[in-house]
Amino acid sequence: MDFLRPADWEEALAAKAAHPAAVPIAGGTDVMVEINFDRRRPEYLMDLNRVGELSEWEVGEESVRLGACVPYSRIMEHLRAELPGLALAAHTVASPQIRNRGGVGGNLGTASPAGDAHPALLAAGAEVEAASVRGTRMIPIDAFYTGVKRNALAPDELIRAVHIRKADGPQQYSKAGTRNAMVIAVCAFGLALHPVTRTVRTGIGSAAPTPVRAKEAEAFLEAALDEGGFWGAGTPLTPSLVRRFADLAAAACDPIDDVRGTARYRRHAVGVMARRTLGWTWESYRSNGRSSEGVA
């Protein structure tokens, strides 16, 4: 195994172009596990730790540009207000040591359906900035996951950053695991309310071959909130509405039985998490002041 250590971004892109099979590594929290267990033996490893811009972020007027290697601990500490769903997801990642090393770029590169960041990124409507010596392109998060541990990156591309719109309403994240820490998700659920556009987005992890959205649940909730005048009135949601949303979220799953949980349990758990996160986000919307843009 050869080790590549580019000094800057241009050198990293050139190395990836010359060696498309090179596996990028920064935190190493996914890649090194596979190497240590001899599940993977890449011909080249590319260390990106000297590319400083990948560990930086920029808060713009409408969105956050998050470098691919910004660790979860920094997201929790500095971006909780702008990216509340992702900050909550970061809290569930492994241990403090892992949160200090791992980042969203690694989750996206691995593209495991159990990656903790995926539901929050789907709910927030993120875009992935991918680059190569040929140029840069933006990949909508909905189009990024192409299969089990597969993504839309070309062989010569690297993830440079993730662009995430700043929250304009409450966001929540919930994860089910076999214990409270150092655990891979049995399933996970993210929810974001967008009062400005009166829309809802979801994200489901570890309950389908790829991270997915519960689009029918989103459409139902958007229509119910609008037709019932909930956005403007801020009244409590009816139990039947919450129950229907949870049922549709569970129906969006396509899980399997494995050592961490059965398909039946995953569907049930996603329904429970959908019901709870909807309750939490709506109560936050009601109690913390409704966005004037979202009020009729």
C-alpha atoms as a PDB file:
ATOM      1  CA  MET A   1       0.000   0.000   0.000  1.00  0.00           C
ATOM      2  CA  ASP A   2       1.454   3.366  -1.075  1.00  0.00           C
ATOM      3  CA  PHE A   3       0.824   6.518   0.937  1.00  0.00           C
ATOM      4  CA  LEU A   4       0.072   9.846  -0.775  1.00  0.00           C
ATOM      5  CA  ARG A   5       0.344  13.071   1.251  1.00  0.00           C
ATOM      6  CA  PRO A   6      -0.613  16.145  -0.794  1.00  0.00           C
ATOM      7  CA  ALA A   7       0.364  19.526   0.655  1.00  0.00           C
ATOM      8  CA  ASP A   8      -2.580  21.485  -0.767  1.00  0.00           C
ATOM      9  CA  TRP A   9      -5.874  21.078  -2.587  1.00  0.00           C
ATOM     10  CA  GLU A  10      -4.453  21.321  -6.115  1.00  0.00           C
ATOM     11  CA  GLU A  11      -1.903  18.642  -5.300  1.00  0.00           C
ATOM     12  CA  ALA A  12      -4.662  16.443  -3.865  1.00  0.00           C
ATOM     13  CA  LEU A  13      -6.725  16.735  -7.055  1.00  0.00           C
ATOM     14  CA  ALA A  14      -3.686  15.952  -9.188  1.00  0.00           C
ATOM     15  CA  ALA A  15      -2.909  12.881  -7.084  1.00  0.00           C
ATOM     16  CA  LYS A  16      -6.513  11.667  -7.348  1.00  0.00           C
ATOM     17  CA  ALA A  17      -6.441  12.163 -11.110  1.00  0.00           C
ATOM     18  CA  ALA A  18      -3.219  10.161 -11.371  1.00  0.00           C
ATOM     19  CA  HIS A  19      -4.476   7.461  -8.988  1.00  0.00           C
ATOM     20  CA  PRO A  20      -8.310   7.275  -9.211  1.00  0.00           C
ATOM     21  CA  ALA A  21      -8.377   4.226  -6.922  1.00  0.00           C
ATOM     22  CA  ALA A  22      -6.674   6.154  -4.104  1.00  0.00           C
ATOM     23  CA  VAL A  23      -8.784   6.165  -0.923  1.00  0.00           C
ATOM     24  CA  PRO A  24      -8.852   9.567   0.814  1.00  0.00           C
ATOM     25  CA  ILE A  25      -8.337   9.556   4.560  1.00  0.00           C
ATOM     26  CA  ALA A  26      -8.577  12.356   7.119  1.00  0.00           C
ATOM     27  CA  GLY A  27     -10.110  11.218  10.396  1.00  0.00           C
ATOM     28  CA  GLY A  28      -9.790   7.570   9.400  1.00  0.00           C
ATOM     29  CA  THR A  29     -12.693   6.555  11.630  1.00  0.00           C
ATOM     30  CA  ASP A  30     -14.270   4.433   8.866  1.00  0.00           C
ATOM     31  CA  VAL A  31     -11.372   3.559   6.584  1.00  0.00           C
ATOM     32  CA  MET A  32      -8.968   2.372   9.277  1.00  0.00           C
ATOM     33  CA  VAL A  33     -11.561   0.045  10.781  1.00  0.00           C
ATOM     34  CA  GLU A  34     -11.921  -1.723   7.437  1.00  0.00           C
ATOM     35  CA  ILE A  35      -8.158  -1.874   6.941  1.00  0.00           C
ATOM     36  CA  ASN A  36      -7.501  -3.147  10.464  1.00  0.00           C
ATOM     37  CA  PHE A  37     -10.045  -5.933  10.000  1.00  0.00           C
ATOM     38  CA  ASP A  38      -8.562  -6.731   6.585  1.00  0.00           C
ATOM     39  CA  ARG A  39     -11.856  -5.979   4.837  1.00  0.00           C
ATOM     40  CA  ARG A  40     -10.149  -3.502   2.541  1.00  0.00           C
ATOM     41  CA  ARG A  41      -6.632  -3.197   1.189  1.00  0.00           C
ATOM     42  CA  PRO A  42      -6.430  -0.164  -1.136  1.00  0.00           C
ATOM     43  CA  GLU A  43      -3.428   0.251  -3.406  1.00  0.00           C
ATOM     44  CA  TYR A  44      -3.131   3.910  -2.362  1.00  0.00           C
ATOM     45  CA  LEU A  45      -4.151   5.878   0.728  1.00  0.00           C
ATOM     46  CA  MET A  46      -4.335   9.660   0.380  1.00  0.00           C
ATOM     47  CA  ASP A  47      -3.858  11.627   3.607  1.00  0.00           C
ATOM     48  CA  LEU A  48      -5.744  14.947   3.393  1.00  0.00           C
ATOM     49  CA  ASN A  49      -4.762  16.327   6.797  1.00  0.00           C
ATOM     50  CA  ARG A  50      -2.307  18.855   5.356  1.00  0.00           C
ATOM     51  CA  VAL A  51      -5.043  20.416   3.179  1.00  0.00           C
ATOM     52  CA  GLY A  52      -6.063  23.060   5.688  1.00  0.00           C
ATOM     53  CA  GLU A  53      -9.081  24.445   3.829  1.00  0.00           C
ATOM     54  CA  LEU A  54     -10.921  21.140   4.278  1.00  0.00           C
ATOM     55  CA  SER A  55     -11.086  21.779   8.034  1.00  0.00           C
ATOM     56  CA  GLU A  56     -12.607  25.259   7.659  1.00  0.00           C
ATOM     57  CA  TRP A  57     -16.196  26.467   7.447  1.00  0.00           C
ATOM     58  CA  GLU A  58     -17.885  29.649   6.303  1.00  0.00           C
ATOM     59  CA  VAL A  59     -21.233  30.957   7.530  1.00  0.00           C
ATOM     60  CA  GLY A  60     -22.920  32.914   4.758  1.00  0.00           C
ATOM     61  CA  GLU A  61     -26.115  34.899   4.673  1.00  0.00           C
ATOM     62  CA  GLU A  62     -28.250  31.901   3.725  1.00  0.00           C
ATOM     63  CA  SER A  63     -26.068  28.815   4.068  1.00  0.00           C
ATOM     64  CA  VAL A  64     -23.027  27.235   5.674  1.00  0.00           C
ATOM     65  CA  ARG A  65     -20.136  25.944   3.579  1.00  0.00           C
ATOM     66  CA  LEU A  66     -18.734  23.110   5.676  1.00  0.00           C
ATOM     67  CA  GLY A  67     -15.301  21.790   4.742  1.00  0.00           C
ATOM     68  CA  ALA A  68     -15.246  18.038   4.227  1.00  0.00           C
ATOM     69  CA  CYS A  69     -12.901  17.450   7.176  1.00  0.00           C
ATOM     70  CA  VAL A  70     -14.516  19.708   9.801  1.00  0.00           C
ATOM     71  CA  PRO A  71     -14.842  17.349  12.801  1.00  0.00           C
ATOM     72  CA  TYR A  72     -18.158  16.669  14.476  1.00  0.00           C
ATOM     73  CA  SER A  73     -16.982  18.290  17.696  1.00  0.00           C
ATOM     74  CA  ARG A  74     -16.539  21.628  15.876  1.00  0.00           C
ATOM     75  CA  ILE A  75     -20.050  21.380  14.421  1.00  0.00           C
ATOM     76  CA  MET A  76     -21.439  20.803  17.908  1.00  0.00           C
ATOM     77  CA  GLU A  77     -19.470  23.703  19.369  1.00  0.00           C
ATOM     78  CA  HIS A  78     -19.740  26.348  16.667  1.00  0.00           C
ATOM     79  CA  LEU A  79     -22.683  25.581  14.348  1.00  0.00           C
ATOM     80  CA  ARG A  80     -25.473  24.494  16.655  1.00  0.00           C
ATOM     81  CA  ALA A  81     -27.655  27.518  15.836  1.00  0.00           C
ATOM     82  CA  GLU A  82     -27.144  27.368  12.069  1.00  0.00           C
ATOM     83  CA  LEU A  83     -27.241  23.561  11.674  1.00  0.00           C
ATOM     84  CA  PRO A  84     -29.216  22.215  14.656  1.00  0.00           C
ATOM     85  CA  GLY A  85     -30.134  18.881  13.064  1.00  0.00           C
ATOM     86  CA  LEU A  86     -26.550  18.092  12.104  1.00  0.00           C
ATOM     87  CA  ALA A  87     -25.307  19.204  15.538  1.00  0.00           C
ATOM     88  CA  LEU A  88     -27.754  16.797  17.191  1.00  0.00           C
ATOM     89  CA  ALA A  89     -26.595  13.997  14.899  1.00  0.00           C
ATOM     90  CA  ALA A  90     -22.976  14.820  15.763  1.00  0.00           C
ATOM     91  CA  HIS A  91     -23.776  14.288  19.450  1.00  0.00           C
ATOM     92  CA  THR A  92     -24.645  10.643  18.717  1.00  0.00           C
ATOM     93  CA  VAL A  93     -21.385   9.836  16.923  1.00  0.00           C
ATOM     94  CA  ALA A  94     -19.321   7.287  18.827  1.00  0.00           C
ATOM     95  CA  SER A  95     -17.055   8.823  21.497  1.00  0.00           C
ATOM     96  CA  PRO A  96     -15.444  12.251  22.069  1.00  0.00           C
ATOM     97  CA  GLN A  97     -12.237  10.945  20.494  1.00  0.00           C
ATOM     98  CA  ILE A  98     -14.057   9.909  17.318  1.00  0.00           C
ATOM     99  CA  ARG A  99     -16.047  13.156  17.210  1.00  0.00           C
ATOM    100  CA  ASN A 100     -12.733  15.047  17.333  1.00  0.00           C
ATOM    101  CA  ARG A 101     -11.473  13.165  14.280  1.00  0.00           C
ATOM    102  CA  GLY A 102     -14.415  12.146  12.094  1.00  0.00           C
ATOM    103  CA  GLY A 103     -16.320  14.503   9.826  1.00  0.00           C
ATOM    104  CA  VAL A 104     -19.203  14.738   7.406  1.00  0.00           C
ATOM    105  CA  GLY A 105     -16.976  14.258   4.362  1.00  0.00           C
ATOM    106  CA  GLY A 106     -15.963  10.818   5.587  1.00  0.00           C
ATOM    107  CA  ASN A 107     -19.587   9.837   6.170  1.00  0.00           C
ATOM    108  CA  LEU A 108     -20.458  10.923   2.642  1.00  0.00           C
ATOM    109  CA  GLY A 109     -17.456   9.203   1.089  1.00  0.00           C
ATOM    110  CA  THR A 110     -18.224   5.915   2.824  1.00  0.00           C
ATOM    111  CA  ALA A 111     -21.941   6.320   2.006  1.00  0.00           C
ATOM    112  CA  SER A 112     -22.955   3.680   4.524  1.00  0.00           C
ATOM    113  CA  PRO A 113     -26.725   3.717   5.066  1.00  0.00           C
ATOM    114  CA  ALA A 114     -25.957   3.757   8.817  1.00  0.00           C
ATOM    115  CA  GLY A 115     -23.861   6.946   8.663  1.00  0.00           C
ATOM    116  CA  ASP A 116     -25.035   9.298  11.394  1.00  0.00           C
ATOM    117  CA  ALA A 117     -24.890  12.508   9.355  1.00  0.00           C
ATOM    118  CA  HIS A 118     -27.041  11.353   6.430  1.00  0.00           C
ATOM    119  CA  PRO A 119     -30.566  11.815   7.879  1.00  0.00           C
ATOM    120  CA  ALA A 120     -29.725  15.354   9.008  1.00  0.00           C
ATOM    121  CA  LEU A 121     -28.191  16.248   5.641  1.00  0.00           C
ATOM    122  CA  LEU A 122     -31.239  14.907   3.793  1.00  0.00           C
ATOM    123  CA  ALA A 123     -33.628  16.806   6.068  1.00  0.00           C
ATOM    124  CA  ALA A 124     -31.662  20.036   5.609  1.00  0.00           C
ATOM    125  CA  GLY A 125     -31.457  19.661   1.823  1.00  0.00           C
ATOM    126  CA  ALA A 126     -27.661  19.788   1.613  1.00  0.00           C
ATOM    127  CA  GLU A 127     -25.502  19.882  -1.515  1.00  0.00           C
ATOM    128  CA  VAL A 128     -22.139  18.160  -1.901  1.00  0.00           C
ATOM    129  CA  GLU A 129     -19.323  20.120  -3.540  1.00  0.00           C
ATOM    130  CA  ALA A 130     -17.285  17.621  -5.560  1.00  0.00           C
ATOM    131  CA  ALA A 131     -14.098  18.586  -7.381  1.00  0.00           C
ATOM    132  CA  SER A 132     -11.515  17.144  -9.738  1.00  0.00           C
ATOM    133  CA  VAL A 133      -8.881  18.524 -12.097  1.00  0.00           C
ATOM    134  CA  ARG A 134     -11.780  18.822 -14.581  1.00  0.00           C
ATOM    135  CA  GLY A 135     -13.675  21.308 -12.416  1.00  0.00           C
ATOM    136  CA  THR A 136     -16.212  21.558  -9.601  1.00  0.00           C
ATOM    137  CA  ARG A 137     -19.854  20.491  -9.472  1.00  0.00           C
ATOM    138  CA  MET A 138     -22.638  20.547  -6.909  1.00  0.00           C
ATOM    139  CA  ILE A 139     -24.493  17.283  -6.203  1.00  0.00           C
ATOM    140  CA  PRO A 140     -27.894  17.547  -4.463  1.00  0.00           C
ATOM    141  CA  ILE A 141     -27.925  15.280  -1.429  1.00  0.00           C
ATOM    142  CA  ASP A 142     -30.956  13.419  -2.806  1.00  0.00           C
ATOM    143  CA  ALA A 143     -28.887  12.329  -5.808  1.00  0.00           C
ATOM    144  CA  PHE A 144     -25.681  11.564  -3.926  1.00  0.00           C
ATOM    145  CA  TYR A 145     -26.455   8.065  -2.603  1.00  0.00           C
ATOM    146  CA  THR A 146     -26.550   5.556  -5.460  1.00  0.00           C
ATOM    147  CA  GLY A 147     -26.444   2.188  -3.657  1.00  0.00           C
ATOM    148  CA  VAL A 148     -25.152   0.355  -0.621  1.00  0.00           C
ATOM    149  CA  LYS A 149     -21.920   2.178   0.254  1.00  0.00           C
ATOM    150  CA  ARG A 150     -21.907   3.783  -3.206  1.00  0.00           C
ATOM    151  CA  ASN A 151     -22.122   7.440  -4.106  1.00  0.00           C
ATOM    152  CA  ALA A 152     -22.272   9.710  -7.145  1.00  0.00           C
ATOM    153  CA  LEU A 153     -18.599  10.723  -7.099  1.00  0.00           C
ATOM    154  CA  ALA A 154     -16.569  10.080 -10.238  1.00  0.00           C
ATOM    155  CA  PRO A 155     -13.351   8.077  -9.726  1.00  0.00           C
ATOM    156  CA  ASP A 156     -11.188  11.211  -9.961  1.00  0.00           C
ATOM    157  CA  GLU A 157     -13.353  13.383  -7.671  1.00  0.00           C
ATOM    158  CA  LEU A 158     -12.914  14.378  -4.039  1.00  0.00           C
ATOM    159  CA  ILE A 159     -15.450  15.939  -1.667  1.00  0.00           C
ATOM    160  CA  ARG A 160     -14.370  19.498  -0.966  1.00  0.00           C
ATOM    161  CA  ALA A 161     -17.289  20.765   1.125  1.00  0.00           C
ATOM    162  CA  VAL A 162     -20.954  20.411   1.971  1.00  0.00           C
ATOM    163  CA  HIS A 163     -23.322  23.354   1.520  1.00  0.00           C
ATOM    164  CA  ILE A 164     -26.230  23.406   3.969  1.00  0.00           C
ATOM    165  CA  ARG A 165     -28.924  26.076   4.207  1.00  0.00           C
ATOM    166  CA  LYS A 166     -29.099  27.699   7.623  1.00  0.00           C
ATOM    167  CA  ALA A 167     -32.088  26.481   9.619  1.00  0.00           C
ATOM    168  CA  ASP A 168     -35.163  28.700   9.298  1.00  0.00           C
ATOM    169  CA  GLY A 169     -37.146  26.503  11.672  1.00  0.00           C
ATOM    170  CA  PRO A 170     -36.692  23.732  14.219  1.00  0.00           C
ATOM    171  CA  GLN A 171     -34.839  20.530  13.364  1.00  0.00           C
ATOM    172  CA  GLN A 172     -34.575  17.249  15.229  1.00  0.00           C
ATOM    173  CA  TYR A 173     -32.657  13.991  15.057  1.00  0.00           C
ATOM    174  CA  SER A 174     -33.220  10.649  16.722  1.00  0.00           C
ATOM    175  CA  LYS A 175     -31.161   7.454  16.653  1.00  0.00           C
ATOM    176  CA  ALA A 176     -31.871   3.942  17.894  1.00  0.00           C
ATOM    177  CA  GLY A 177     -28.944   1.758  18.896  1.00  0.00           C
ATOM    178  CA  THR A 178     -28.127  -1.224  21.031  1.00  0.00           C
ATOM    179  CA  ARG A 179     -26.577   1.104  23.649  1.00  0.00           C
ATOM    180  CA  ASN A 180     -26.169   4.832  24.301  1.00  0.00           C
ATOM    181  CA  ALA A 181     -22.652   5.384  22.937  1.00  0.00           C
ATOM    182  CA  MET A 182     -20.060   3.853  20.586  1.00  0.00           C
ATOM    183  CA  VAL A 183     -22.789   2.260  18.523  1.00  0.00           C
ATOM    184  CA  ILE A 184     -23.782   1.985  14.877  1.00  0.00           C
ATOM    185  CA  ALA A 185     -27.372   3.070  14.310  1.00  0.00           C
ATOM    186  CA  VAL A 186     -30.002   0.361  14.126  1.00  0.00           C
ATOM    187  CA  CYS A 187     -31.991   3.145  12.481  1.00  0.00           C
ATOM    188  CA  ALA A 188     -32.114   6.937  12.620  1.00  0.00           C
ATOM    189  CA  PHE A 189     -34.535   9.702  11.693  1.00  0.00           C
ATOM    190  CA  GLY A 190     -34.077  13.385  10.954  1.00  0.00           C
ATOM    191  CA  LEU A 191     -36.762  16.035  10.551  1.00  0.00           C
ATOM    192  CA  ALA A 192     -36.595  19.700   9.556  1.00  0.00           C
ATOM    193  CA  LEU A 193     -39.453  22.200   9.427  1.00  0.00           C
ATOM    194  CA  HIS A 194     -38.980  25.018   6.931  1.00  0.00           C
ATOM    195  CA  PRO A 195     -41.567  27.670   7.838  1.00  0.00           C
ATOM    196  CA  VAL A 196     -40.349  30.168   5.232  1.00  0.00           C
ATOM    197  CA  THR A 197     -41.379  27.835   2.405  1.00  0.00           C
ATOM    198  CA  ARG A 198     -43.915  25.923   4.522  1.00  0.00           C
ATOM    199  CA  THR A 199     -42.215  22.673   3.644  1.00  0.00           C
ATOM    200  CA  VAL A 200     -41.008  19.634   5.561  1.00  0.00           C
ATOM    201  CA  ARG A 201     -38.028  17.391   4.895  1.00  0.00           C
ATOM    202  CA  THR A 202     -37.041  14.105   6.470  1.00  0.00           C
ATOM    203  CA  GLY A 203     -34.105  11.721   6.446  1.00  0.00           C
ATOM    204  CA  ILE A 204     -33.973   8.034   7.362  1.00  0.00           C
ATOM    205  CA  GLY A 205     -30.792   6.111   8.056  1.00  0.00           C
ATOM    206  CA  SER A 206     -30.021   2.400   8.327  1.00  0.00           C
ATOM    207  CA  ALA A 207     -33.493   1.330   7.238  1.00  0.00           C
ATOM    208  CA  ALA A 208     -32.992   0.975   3.474  1.00  0.00           C
ATOM    209  CA  PRO A 209     -30.117   0.190   1.076  1.00  0.00           C
ATOM    210  CA  THR A 210     -29.301   3.917   1.071  1.00  0.00           C
ATOM    211  CA  PRO A 211     -30.253   6.856   3.283  1.00  0.00           C
ATOM    212  CA  VAL A 212     -33.708   7.939   2.106  1.00  0.00           C
ATOM    213  CA  ARG A 213     -36.397  10.545   2.617  1.00  0.00           C
ATOM    214  CA  ALA A 214     -39.989   9.736   3.620  1.00  0.00           C
ATOM    215  CA  LYS A 215     -41.453  11.738   0.747  1.00  0.00           C
ATOM    216  CA  GLU A 216     -45.063  10.622   1.154  1.00  0.00           C
ATOM    217  CA  ALA A 217     -44.913  11.509   4.848  1.00  0.00           C
ATOM    218  CA  GLU A 218     -43.482  14.915   3.947  1.00  0.00           C
ATOM    219  CA  ALA A 219     -46.203  15.601   1.376  1.00  0.00           C
ATOM    220  CA  PHE A 220     -48.926  14.534   3.801  1.00  0.00           C
ATOM    221  CA  LEU A 221     -47.602  16.732   6.601  1.00  0.00           C
ATOM    222  CA  GLU A 222     -47.118  19.751   4.340  1.00  0.00           C
ATOM    223  CA  ALA A 223     -50.718  19.486   3.128  1.00  0.00           C
ATOM    224  CA  ALA A 224     -52.110  18.870   6.611  1.00  0.00           C
ATOM    225  CA  LEU A 225     -50.253  21.820   8.140  1.00  0.00           C
ATOM    226  CA  ASP A 226     -51.351  24.119   5.334  1.00  0.00           C
ATOM    227  CA  GLU A 227     -54.977  23.023   5.073  1.00  0.00           C
ATOM    228  CA  GLY A 228     -55.418  22.993   8.845  1.00  0.00           C
ATOM    229  CA  GLY A 229     -53.939  26.463   9.268  1.00  0.00           C
ATOM    230  CA  PHE A 230     -51.337  25.131  11.695  1.00  0.00           C
ATOM    231  CA  TRP A 231     -48.461  27.278  10.428  1.00  0.00           C
ATOM    232  CA  GLY A 232     -50.217  30.515  11.257  1.00  0.00           C
ATOM    233  CA  ALA A 233     -52.174  29.447  14.331  1.00  0.00           C
ATOM    234  CA  GLY A 234     -49.419  27.405  15.943  1.00  0.00           C
ATOM    235  CA  THR A 235     -51.988  25.131  17.544  1.00  0.00           C
ATOM    236  CA  PRO A 236     -51.141  21.609  18.775  1.00  0.00           C
ATOM    237  CA  LEU A 237     -51.146  18.877  16.145  1.00  0.00           C
ATOM    238  CA  THR A 238     -53.949  16.350  16.324  1.00  0.00           C
ATOM    239  CA  PRO A 239     -53.010  12.803  17.383  1.00  0.00           C
ATOM    240  CA  SER A 240     -54.423  11.373  14.139  1.00  0.00           C
ATOM    241  CA  LEU A 241     -52.205  13.689  12.071  1.00  0.00           C
ATOM    242  CA  VAL A 242     -49.091  12.703  14.010  1.00  0.00           C
ATOM    243  CA  ARG A 243     -50.008   9.024  13.789  1.00  0.00           C
ATOM    244  CA  ARG A 244     -50.503   9.189  10.027  1.00  0.00           C
ATOM    245  CA  PHE A 245     -47.167  10.938   9.544  1.00  0.00           C
ATOM    246  CA  ALA A 246     -45.435   8.238  11.606  1.00  0.00           C
ATOM    247  CA  ASP A 247     -47.112   5.448   9.620  1.00  0.00           C
ATOM    248  CA  LEU A 248     -46.040   6.972   6.306  1.00  0.00           C
ATOM    249  CA  ALA A 249     -42.487   7.435   7.565  1.00  0.00           C
ATOM    250  CA  ALA A 250     -42.313   3.765   8.579  1.00  0.00           C
ATOM    251  CA  ALA A 251     -43.700   2.764   5.176  1.00  0.00           C
ATOM    252  CA  ALA A 252     -40.811   4.584   3.462  1.00  0.00           C
ATOM    253  CA  CYS A 253     -38.342   2.065   4.926  1.00  0.00           C
ATOM    254  CA  ASP A 254     -36.967  -0.925   3.045  1.00  0.00           C
ATOM    255  CA  PRO A 255     -34.931  -2.562   5.818  1.00  0.00           C
ATOM    256  CA  ILE A 256     -33.229  -5.923   6.250  1.00  0.00           C
ATOM    257  CA  ASP A 257     -32.701  -8.309   9.144  1.00  0.00           C
ATOM    258  CA  ASP A 258     -29.144  -8.234  10.456  1.00  0.00           C
ATOM    259  CA  VAL A 259     -27.212  -8.671  13.703  1.00  0.00           C
ATOM    260  CA  ARG A 260     -28.257  -5.217  14.925  1.00  0.00           C
ATOM    261  CA  GLY A 261     -32.008  -5.555  14.420  1.00  0.00           C
ATOM    262  CA  THR A 262     -34.829  -7.046  12.409  1.00  0.00           C
ATOM    263  CA  ALA A 263     -36.606  -5.355   9.525  1.00  0.00           C
ATOM    264  CA  ARG A 264     -39.815  -5.368  11.536  1.00  0.00           C
ATOM    265  CA  TYR A 265     -38.136  -3.623  14.470  1.00  0.00           C
ATOM    266  CA  ARG A 266     -36.562  -0.999  12.198  1.00  0.00           C
ATOM    267  CA  ARG A 267     -39.927  -0.077  10.655  1.00  0.00           C
ATOM    268  CA  HIS A 268     -41.487   0.155  14.094  1.00  0.00           C
ATOM    269  CA  ALA A 269     -38.615   2.225  15.491  1.00  0.00           C
ATOM    270  CA  VAL A 270     -38.674   4.668  12.572  1.00  0.00           C
ATOM    271  CA  GLY A 271     -42.398   5.186  13.147  1.00  0.00           C
ATOM    272  CA  VAL A 272     -41.810   5.880  16.827  1.00  0.00           C
ATOM    273  CA  MET A 273     -38.937   8.279  16.078  1.00  0.00           C
ATOM    274  CA  ALA A 274     -41.006  10.069  13.429  1.00  0.00           C
ATOM    275  CA  ARG A 275     -43.820  10.596  15.915  1.00  0.00           C
ATOM    276  CA  ARG A 276     -41.480  11.831  18.635  1.00  0.00           C
ATOM    277  CA  THR A 277     -39.392  14.139  16.433  1.00  0.00           C
ATOM    278  CA  LEU A 278     -42.522  15.686  14.961  1.00  0.00           C
ATOM    279  CA  GLY A 279     -43.777  16.363  18.479  1.00  0.00           C
ATOM    280  CA  TRP A 280     -40.465  17.925  19.503  1.00  0.00           C
ATOM    281  CA  THR A 281     -40.082  20.093  16.403  1.00  0.00           C
ATOM    282  CA  TRP A 282     -43.664  21.330  16.440  1.00  0.00           C
ATOM    283  CA  GLU A 283     -43.528  22.180  20.127  1.00  0.00           C
ATOM    284  CA  SER A 284     -40.312  24.100  19.460  1.00  0.00           C
ATOM    285  CA  TYR A 285     -41.989  25.944  16.582  1.00  0.00           C
ATOM    286  CA  ARG A 286     -44.922  26.883  18.815  1.00  0.00           C
ATOM    287  CA  SER A 287     -42.969  27.858  21.921  1.00  0.00           C
ATOM    288  CA  ASN A 288     -39.948  29.630  20.431  1.00  0.00           C
ATOM    289  CA  GLY A 289     -41.864  32.036  18.231  1.00  0.00           C
ATOM    290  CA  ARG A 290     -43.088  31.301  14.755  1.00  0.00           C
ATOM    291  CA  SER A 291     -41.118  32.688  11.847  1.00  0.00           C
ATOM    292  CA  SER A 292     -42.870  35.751  10.428  1.00  0.00           C
ATOM    293  CA  GLU A 293     -42.139  34.515   6.926  1.00  0.00           C
ATOM    294  CA  GLY A 294     -44.039  31.335   7.672  1.00  0.00           C
ATOM    295  CA  VAL A 295     -47.126  32.982   9.184  1.00  0.00           C
ATOM    296  CA  ALA A 296     -50.098  33.753   7.000  1.00  0.00           C
END
